[in-house]
Protein backbone atom coordinates (compact mmCIF):
# COMPACT_ATOMS: atom_id res chain seq x y z
CA UNK A 1 -15.74 53.83 9.07
CA UNK A 2 -16.18 55.28 5.59
CA UNK A 3 -13.53 57.92 4.84
CA UNK A 4 -14.71 58.83 1.34
CA UNK A 5 -16.50 57.72 -1.82
CA UNK A 6 -16.36 58.16 -5.59
CA UNK A 7 -19.58 57.71 -7.57
CA UNK A 8 -19.57 57.35 -11.34
CA UNK A 9 -22.67 57.16 -13.58
CA UNK A 10 -25.06 56.35 -10.69
CA UNK A 11 -28.40 58.13 -11.39
CA UNK A 12 -27.68 61.89 -11.43
CA UNK A 13 -24.03 61.59 -10.47
CA UNK A 14 -21.66 61.30 -13.45
CA UNK A 15 -18.45 61.65 -11.43
CA UNK A 16 -18.88 62.63 -7.78
CA UNK A 17 -16.21 62.55 -5.08
CA UNK A 18 -17.05 62.71 -1.35
CA UNK A 19 -14.97 62.93 1.82
CA UNK A 20 -16.33 62.09 5.27
CA UNK A 21 -15.13 63.04 8.74
CA UNK A 22 -15.40 61.35 12.10
CA UNK A 23 -18.76 61.59 13.81
CA UNK A 24 -22.00 62.56 12.03
CA UNK A 25 -21.90 63.67 8.40
CA UNK A 26 -24.93 65.57 6.95
CA UNK A 27 -25.69 65.90 3.23
CA UNK A 28 -27.86 68.92 2.45
CA UNK A 29 -29.19 70.37 -0.83
CA UNK A 30 -32.35 71.22 -2.74
CA UNK A 31 -34.93 68.70 -3.75
CA UNK A 32 -33.99 66.32 -6.54
CA UNK A 33 -30.30 67.18 -6.39
CA UNK A 34 -29.23 63.58 -5.69
CA UNK A 35 -28.93 63.37 -1.87
CA UNK A 36 -30.82 60.06 -1.68
CA UNK A 37 -28.89 58.80 -4.71
CA UNK A 38 -25.66 59.12 -2.71
CA UNK A 39 -27.09 56.91 0.05
CA UNK A 40 -28.47 54.43 -2.50
CA UNK A 41 -25.07 54.22 -4.24
CA UNK A 42 -23.36 53.45 -0.91
CA UNK A 43 -26.00 50.78 -0.13
CA UNK A 44 -25.57 49.32 -3.63
CA UNK A 45 -21.81 49.03 -3.06
CA UNK A 46 -22.11 47.62 0.48
CA UNK A 47 -25.22 45.42 0.16
CA UNK A 48 -25.55 44.82 -3.63
CA UNK A 49 -29.08 46.27 -3.67
CA UNK A 50 -31.06 47.31 -5.58
CA UNK A 51 -30.66 44.78 -8.38
CA UNK A 52 -30.79 45.35 -12.11
CA UNK A 53 -29.42 48.40 -13.94
CA UNK A 54 -32.24 50.95 -13.46
CA UNK A 55 -29.94 53.21 -11.42
CA UNK A 56 -27.40 53.55 -14.29
CA UNK A 57 -27.13 57.07 -15.70
CA UNK A 58 -28.81 57.60 -19.07
CA UNK A 59 -26.51 57.09 -22.07
CA UNK A 60 -23.75 55.25 -20.14
CA UNK A 61 -22.72 51.62 -20.16
CA UNK A 62 -20.82 51.31 -16.90
CA UNK A 63 -21.61 52.27 -13.30
CA UNK A 64 -18.96 52.27 -10.55
CA UNK A 65 -18.94 53.14 -6.85
CA UNK A 66 -15.68 53.18 -4.88
CA UNK A 67 -15.67 53.47 -1.06
CA UNK A 68 -12.49 54.22 0.89
CA UNK A 69 -12.74 52.23 4.13
CA UNK A 70 -9.30 53.14 5.48
CA UNK A 71 -6.05 54.68 4.31
CA UNK A 72 -5.03 51.36 2.68
CA UNK A 73 -8.31 49.52 1.95
CA UNK A 74 -10.76 50.43 -0.83
CA UNK A 75 -13.98 48.64 -1.84
CA UNK A 76 -15.07 49.00 -5.48
CA UNK A 77 -18.36 47.86 -7.06
CA UNK A 78 -18.48 47.90 -10.86
CA UNK A 79 -21.20 46.79 -13.27
CA UNK A 80 -21.55 47.00 -17.05
CA UNK A 81 -22.84 44.95 -19.95
CA UNK A 82 -19.61 42.95 -19.81
CA UNK A 83 -18.54 43.09 -16.15
CA UNK A 84 -20.15 42.51 -12.75
CA UNK A 85 -17.42 42.66 -10.15
CA UNK A 86 -16.33 43.52 -6.65
CA UNK A 87 -12.79 44.52 -5.76
CA UNK A 88 -11.45 44.58 -2.22
CA UNK A 89 -7.96 46.01 -2.25
CA UNK A 90 -6.16 44.19 -5.08
CA UNK A 91 -8.41 41.10 -5.05
CA UNK A 92 -11.22 40.74 -7.60
CA UNK A 93 -14.52 38.87 -7.02
CA UNK A 94 -17.33 38.04 -9.44
CA UNK A 95 -20.82 39.14 -8.34
CA UNK A 96 -23.84 36.90 -8.90
CA UNK A 97 -27.45 37.99 -8.26
CA UNK A 98 -28.09 40.02 -5.11
CA UNK A 99 -25.48 38.26 -2.94
CA UNK A 100 -22.28 39.93 -1.73
CA UNK A 101 -19.22 37.65 -2.05
CA UNK A 102 -18.53 35.90 1.26
CA UNK A 103 -14.98 37.28 1.80
CA UNK A 104 -16.32 40.85 1.43
CA UNK A 105 -19.33 40.16 3.65
CA UNK A 106 -17.07 38.71 6.33
CA UNK A 107 -14.80 41.74 6.07
CA UNK A 108 -17.61 44.38 6.24
CA UNK A 109 -19.96 42.66 8.75
CA UNK A 110 -22.83 44.89 7.51
CA UNK A 111 -26.49 43.88 7.07
CA UNK A 112 -29.79 45.70 6.58
CA UNK A 113 -30.11 46.86 10.21
CA UNK A 114 -26.92 48.92 9.84
CA UNK A 115 -28.46 51.15 7.13
CA UNK A 116 -31.58 53.37 7.48
CA UNK A 117 -32.75 55.05 4.30
CA UNK A 118 -35.07 57.98 3.64
CA UNK A 119 -38.41 56.18 3.38
CA UNK A 120 -37.75 53.49 5.98
CA UNK A 121 -39.88 53.45 9.17
CA UNK A 122 -38.33 54.77 12.37
CA UNK A 123 -35.92 52.22 13.63
CA UNK A 124 -37.60 49.77 16.08
CA UNK A 125 -40.54 52.10 16.72
CA UNK A 126 -42.60 50.50 14.01
CA UNK A 127 -41.55 46.93 14.88
CA UNK A 128 -43.21 44.47 17.25
CA UNK A 129 -41.56 43.52 20.53
CA UNK A 130 -40.59 40.10 19.17
CA UNK A 131 -38.98 41.59 16.05
CA UNK A 132 -37.10 44.16 18.16
CA UNK A 133 -35.83 41.33 20.40
CA UNK A 134 -34.80 39.34 17.32
CA UNK A 135 -32.88 42.26 15.84
CA UNK A 136 -31.28 43.13 19.17
CA UNK A 137 -30.25 39.51 19.58
CA UNK A 138 -28.82 39.60 16.02
CA UNK A 139 -26.80 42.70 16.88
CA UNK A 140 -25.17 41.46 20.07
CA UNK A 141 -25.59 37.75 19.23
CA UNK A 142 -27.14 36.63 22.53
CA UNK A 143 -28.10 33.37 20.88
CA UNK A 144 -24.47 32.26 21.05
CA UNK A 145 -24.81 31.92 24.82
CA UNK A 146 -27.91 29.72 24.51
CA UNK A 147 -26.32 27.58 21.80
CA UNK A 148 -23.12 27.27 23.83
CA UNK A 149 -24.99 26.25 27.00
CA UNK A 150 -27.07 23.74 25.04
CA UNK A 151 -24.05 22.21 23.33
CA UNK A 152 -22.12 22.16 26.63
CA UNK A 153 -24.97 20.36 28.41
CA UNK A 154 -25.28 17.86 25.56
CA UNK A 155 -21.51 17.27 25.49
CA UNK A 156 -21.41 16.83 29.29
CA UNK A 157 -24.24 14.31 29.16
CA UNK A 158 -22.55 12.40 26.33
CA UNK A 159 -19.21 12.39 28.17
CA UNK A 160 -20.85 11.10 31.37
CA UNK A 161 -22.44 8.27 29.41
CA UNK A 162 -19.12 7.44 27.72
CA UNK A 163 -17.35 7.56 31.10
CA UNK A 164 -19.82 5.07 32.58
CA UNK A 165 -19.39 2.72 29.62
CA UNK A 166 -15.60 3.00 29.76
CA UNK A 167 -15.57 2.40 33.51
CA UNK A 168 -17.64 -0.77 33.03
CA UNK A 169 -15.25 -1.98 30.31
CA UNK A 170 -12.29 -1.26 32.61
CA UNK A 171 -13.78 -3.38 35.38
CA UNK A 172 -14.42 -6.25 32.96
CA UNK A 173 -10.88 -5.96 31.63
CA UNK A 174 -9.43 -6.14 35.17
CA UNK A 175 -11.50 -9.26 35.88
CA UNK A 176 -10.36 -10.84 32.62
CA UNK A 177 -6.75 -9.96 33.49
CA UNK A 178 -7.05 -11.71 36.85
CA UNK A 179 -8.43 -14.79 35.07
CA UNK A 180 -5.37 -14.86 32.80
CA UNK A 181 -2.80 -15.02 35.61
CA UNK A 182 -1.91 -18.60 34.58
CA UNK A 183 -0.41 -17.31 31.31
CA UNK A 184 2.99 -16.67 32.92
CA UNK A 185 3.28 -20.32 33.98
CA UNK A 186 2.13 -21.50 30.57
CA UNK A 187 4.67 -19.21 28.92
CA UNK A 188 7.54 -20.69 30.95
CA UNK A 189 6.45 -24.23 30.04
CA UNK A 190 6.06 -23.20 26.42
CA UNK A 191 9.63 -21.86 26.38
CA UNK A 192 10.83 -25.24 27.69
CA UNK A 193 8.85 -27.02 24.96
CA UNK A 194 10.34 -24.78 22.27
CA UNK A 195 13.85 -25.43 23.56
CA UNK A 196 13.25 -29.21 23.60
CA UNK A 197 11.82 -29.01 20.09
CA UNK A 198 14.97 -27.26 18.91
CA UNK A 199 17.18 -29.96 20.44
CA UNK A 200 15.01 -32.67 18.88
CA UNK A 201 15.26 -31.09 15.43
CA UNK A 202 19.05 -30.84 15.74
CA UNK A 203 19.28 -34.49 16.86
CA UNK A 204 17.04 -35.61 14.00
CA UNK A 205 19.22 -33.81 11.47
CA UNK A 206 22.35 -35.43 12.93
CA UNK A 207 20.66 -38.84 12.82
CA UNK A 208 19.66 -38.35 9.17
CA UNK A 209 23.23 -37.40 8.27
CA UNK A 210 24.61 -40.47 10.08
CA UNK A 211 22.03 -42.73 8.43
CA UNK A 212 23.05 -41.36 5.05
CA UNK A 213 26.72 -42.02 5.93
CA UNK A 214 25.93 -45.60 6.98
CA UNK A 215 24.02 -46.16 3.73
CA UNK A 216 26.99 -44.91 1.74
CA UNK A 217 29.27 -47.20 3.77
CA UNK A 218 27.10 -50.25 2.97
CA UNK A 219 27.04 -49.34 -0.72
CA UNK A 220 30.82 -48.97 -0.82
CA UNK A 221 31.19 -52.26 1.04
CA UNK A 222 29.10 -54.05 -1.61
CA UNK A 223 31.19 -52.40 -4.30
CA UNK A 224 34.31 -53.60 -2.48
CA UNK A 225 33.01 -57.16 -2.45
CA UNK A 226 32.26 -56.99 -6.16
CA UNK A 227 35.67 -55.49 -6.76
CA UNK A 228 37.24 -58.42 -4.79
CA UNK A 229 35.57 -60.86 -7.14
CA UNK A 230 36.88 -58.90 -10.07
CA UNK A 231 40.38 -58.98 -8.57
CA UNK A 232 40.22 -62.77 -8.28
CA UNK A 233 39.12 -62.97 -11.93
CA UNK A 234 41.98 -60.58 -12.72
CA UNK A 235 44.41 -63.03 -11.11
CA UNK A 236 43.20 -65.79 -13.41
CA UNK A 237 43.56 -63.49 -16.36
CA UNK A 238 47.12 -62.67 -15.28
CA UNK A 239 47.95 -66.39 -15.20
CA UNK A 240 46.49 -66.75 -18.69
CA UNK A 241 48.53 -63.79 -19.78
CA UNK A 242 51.71 -65.38 -18.51
CA UNK A 243 50.84 -68.56 -20.42
CA UNK A 244 50.14 -66.47 -23.46
CA UNK A 245 53.55 -64.82 -23.18
CA UNK A 246 55.20 -68.28 -23.10
CA UNK A 247 53.10 -69.38 -26.07
CA UNK A 248 54.11 -66.23 -27.91
CA UNK A 249 57.76 -67.04 -27.35
CA UNK A 250 57.18 -70.56 -28.74
CA UNK A 251 55.46 -69.07 -31.78
CA UNK A 252 58.46 -66.82 -32.37
CA UNK A 253 60.74 -69.84 -32.31
CA UNK A 254 58.45 -71.63 -34.76
CA UNK A 255 58.58 -68.61 -37.05
CA UNK A 256 62.33 -68.72 -36.99
CA UNK A 257 62.33 -72.44 -37.86
CA UNK A 258 59.81 -71.82 -40.63
CA UNK A 259 62.08 -69.22 -42.13
CA UNK A 260 64.92 -71.73 -42.00
CA UNK A 261 62.73 -74.29 -43.80
CA UNK A 262 61.91 -71.81 -46.55
CA UNK A 263 65.59 -71.15 -47.02
CA UNK A 264 66.27 -74.86 -47.12
CA UNK A 265 63.53 -75.36 -49.75
CA UNK A 266 65.24 -72.88 -51.99
CA UNK A 267 68.56 -74.71 -51.74
CA UNK A 268 67.24 -78.18 -52.38
CA UNK A 269 67.30 -79.24 -56.03
CA UNK A 270 66.53 -82.94 -55.93
CA UNK A 271 62.97 -84.17 -56.52
CA UNK A 272 62.80 -86.57 -53.60
CA UNK A 273 64.08 -84.06 -51.26
CA UNK A 274 61.55 -81.59 -52.62
CA UNK A 275 58.68 -84.04 -52.09
CA UNK A 276 59.76 -84.72 -48.57
CA UNK A 277 60.08 -81.00 -47.99
CA UNK A 278 56.57 -80.47 -49.46
CA UNK A 279 55.20 -82.85 -46.83
CA UNK A 280 57.16 -80.99 -44.22
CA UNK A 281 55.79 -77.69 -45.54
CA UNK A 282 52.22 -79.02 -45.34
CA UNK A 283 52.83 -79.88 -41.70
CA UNK A 284 54.40 -76.50 -41.15
CA UNK A 285 51.37 -74.80 -42.81
CA UNK A 286 49.10 -76.41 -40.25
CA UNK A 287 51.47 -75.23 -37.55
CA UNK A 288 51.38 -71.72 -39.06
CA UNK A 289 47.56 -71.66 -38.98
CA UNK A 290 47.64 -72.75 -35.33
CA UNK A 291 50.19 -70.03 -34.70
CA UNK A 292 47.98 -67.33 -36.24
CA UNK A 293 45.04 -68.46 -34.13
CA UNK A 294 47.26 -68.36 -31.03
CA UNK A 295 48.42 -64.88 -31.97
CA UNK A 296 44.82 -63.63 -32.22
CA UNK A 297 44.11 -65.13 -28.82
CA UNK A 298 47.18 -63.31 -27.49
CA UNK A 299 45.81 -59.99 -28.81
CA UNK A 300 42.43 -60.56 -27.11
CA UNK A 301 44.16 -61.55 -23.89
CA UNK A 302 46.26 -58.37 -24.11
CA UNK A 303 43.09 -56.26 -24.24
CA UNK A 304 41.68 -58.19 -21.29
CA UNK A 305 44.88 -57.59 -19.32
CA UNK A 306 44.67 -53.85 -20.00
CA UNK A 307 41.01 -53.77 -18.79
CA UNK A 308 42.09 -55.62 -15.65
CA UNK A 309 44.76 -53.02 -14.94
CA UNK A 310 42.20 -50.21 -15.26
CA UNK A 311 39.81 -52.12 -12.97
CA UNK A 312 42.60 -52.59 -10.42
CA UNK A 313 43.19 -48.84 -10.32
CA UNK A 314 39.44 -48.16 -9.86
CA UNK A 315 39.27 -50.72 -7.05
CA UNK A 316 42.21 -49.08 -5.30
CA UNK A 317 40.47 -45.66 -5.45
CA UNK A 318 37.18 -47.12 -4.12
CA UNK A 319 39.00 -48.84 -1.27
CA UNK A 320 40.61 -45.52 -0.33
CA UNK A 321 37.18 -43.78 -0.33
CA UNK A 322 35.80 -46.68 1.76
CA UNK A 323 38.52 -46.19 4.34
CA UNK A 324 37.79 -42.45 4.51
CA UNK A 325 34.07 -43.11 5.04
CA UNK A 326 34.88 -45.59 7.80
CA UNK A 327 36.97 -42.98 9.59
CA UNK A 328 34.20 -40.37 9.17
CA UNK A 329 31.64 -42.81 10.57
CA UNK A 330 33.87 -43.47 13.58
CA UNK A 331 34.08 -39.73 14.29
CA UNK A 332 30.37 -39.01 13.80
CA UNK A 333 28.85 -42.00 15.58
CA UNK A 334 31.39 -42.15 18.47
CA UNK A 335 30.85 -45.87 18.61
CA UNK A 336 27.05 -45.64 19.11
CA UNK A 337 24.31 -46.13 16.50
CA UNK A 338 22.21 -42.87 16.28
CA UNK A 339 19.06 -44.85 15.45
CA UNK A 340 18.92 -47.61 18.10
CA UNK A 341 21.62 -46.48 20.58
CA UNK A 342 23.61 -49.75 20.46
CA UNK A 343 27.37 -49.94 20.06
CA UNK A 344 28.73 -50.22 16.57
CA UNK A 345 31.58 -52.65 15.75
CA UNK A 346 34.05 -51.31 13.22
CA UNK A 347 36.09 -53.49 10.92
CA UNK A 348 39.84 -52.88 10.95
């Protein structure tokens, strides 16, 4: 319902305010006073027709029509050289061409059959039966029923077809499920296979560890044999060392005697005695050379003895590791070879 209107610069009306009451409102006045212009201004605001700016008052730049639709809602249509707008309440909309913005059209729900102007034909009396039926159908929207029935029938048909297809798939799925009843038995056997595979992997890992331990035992045994040979050689070296010690003592005694001979040479004055002592000194020089050579041999034998002592200590450590590996092999193998299953004899 339109409660009032304000028309500015629309044809004859520079600034016109109107108030409407409930029921029928009649606008009366002499010819060419602007009665039809009021209706045209309302149509322009509600339907955005006519187009252009021919209805603008002469000498003005802006035309505006404001319609009060309720106590709180006002629709304003404004057009100038710079603006072309609608305003519904506080919301602005740009107007393009002869179309009313969709939010306003949806709010008003007004089309051309809602407005009858001065020079229009009598409503429906000048229309054909088909056009009257079309307009009546547009008013009460009888076509919705036909569209709804058509869409419902189509949807029902589609759902029946889908139901038949789904039912066929369900039957095939049930048959396939019956054919797969052996899966439970296969699953139980598969679980047994997985368990056996786990045991086999564990046993294989244990066997690899034991094989590695046996390989280490053989390597240490070979080292022990080589170390035994070295120990025997060390015994020979020890005997040589003892002989060297005795030889060293003899050399010390010879040095003492040589010192005595030098002292004696100093005390002797006679020529014959000196000659005889010179011969003795020559002999003692040879002995001294032999002594120096023996002393060098003693030094080399001392180094060899020290190397033998270090080797003895290494052999002792390796023997201790060998004993530990033997004990570990006894615990891991439990007297049975993990590769062939035969009993293993351990050396004590």
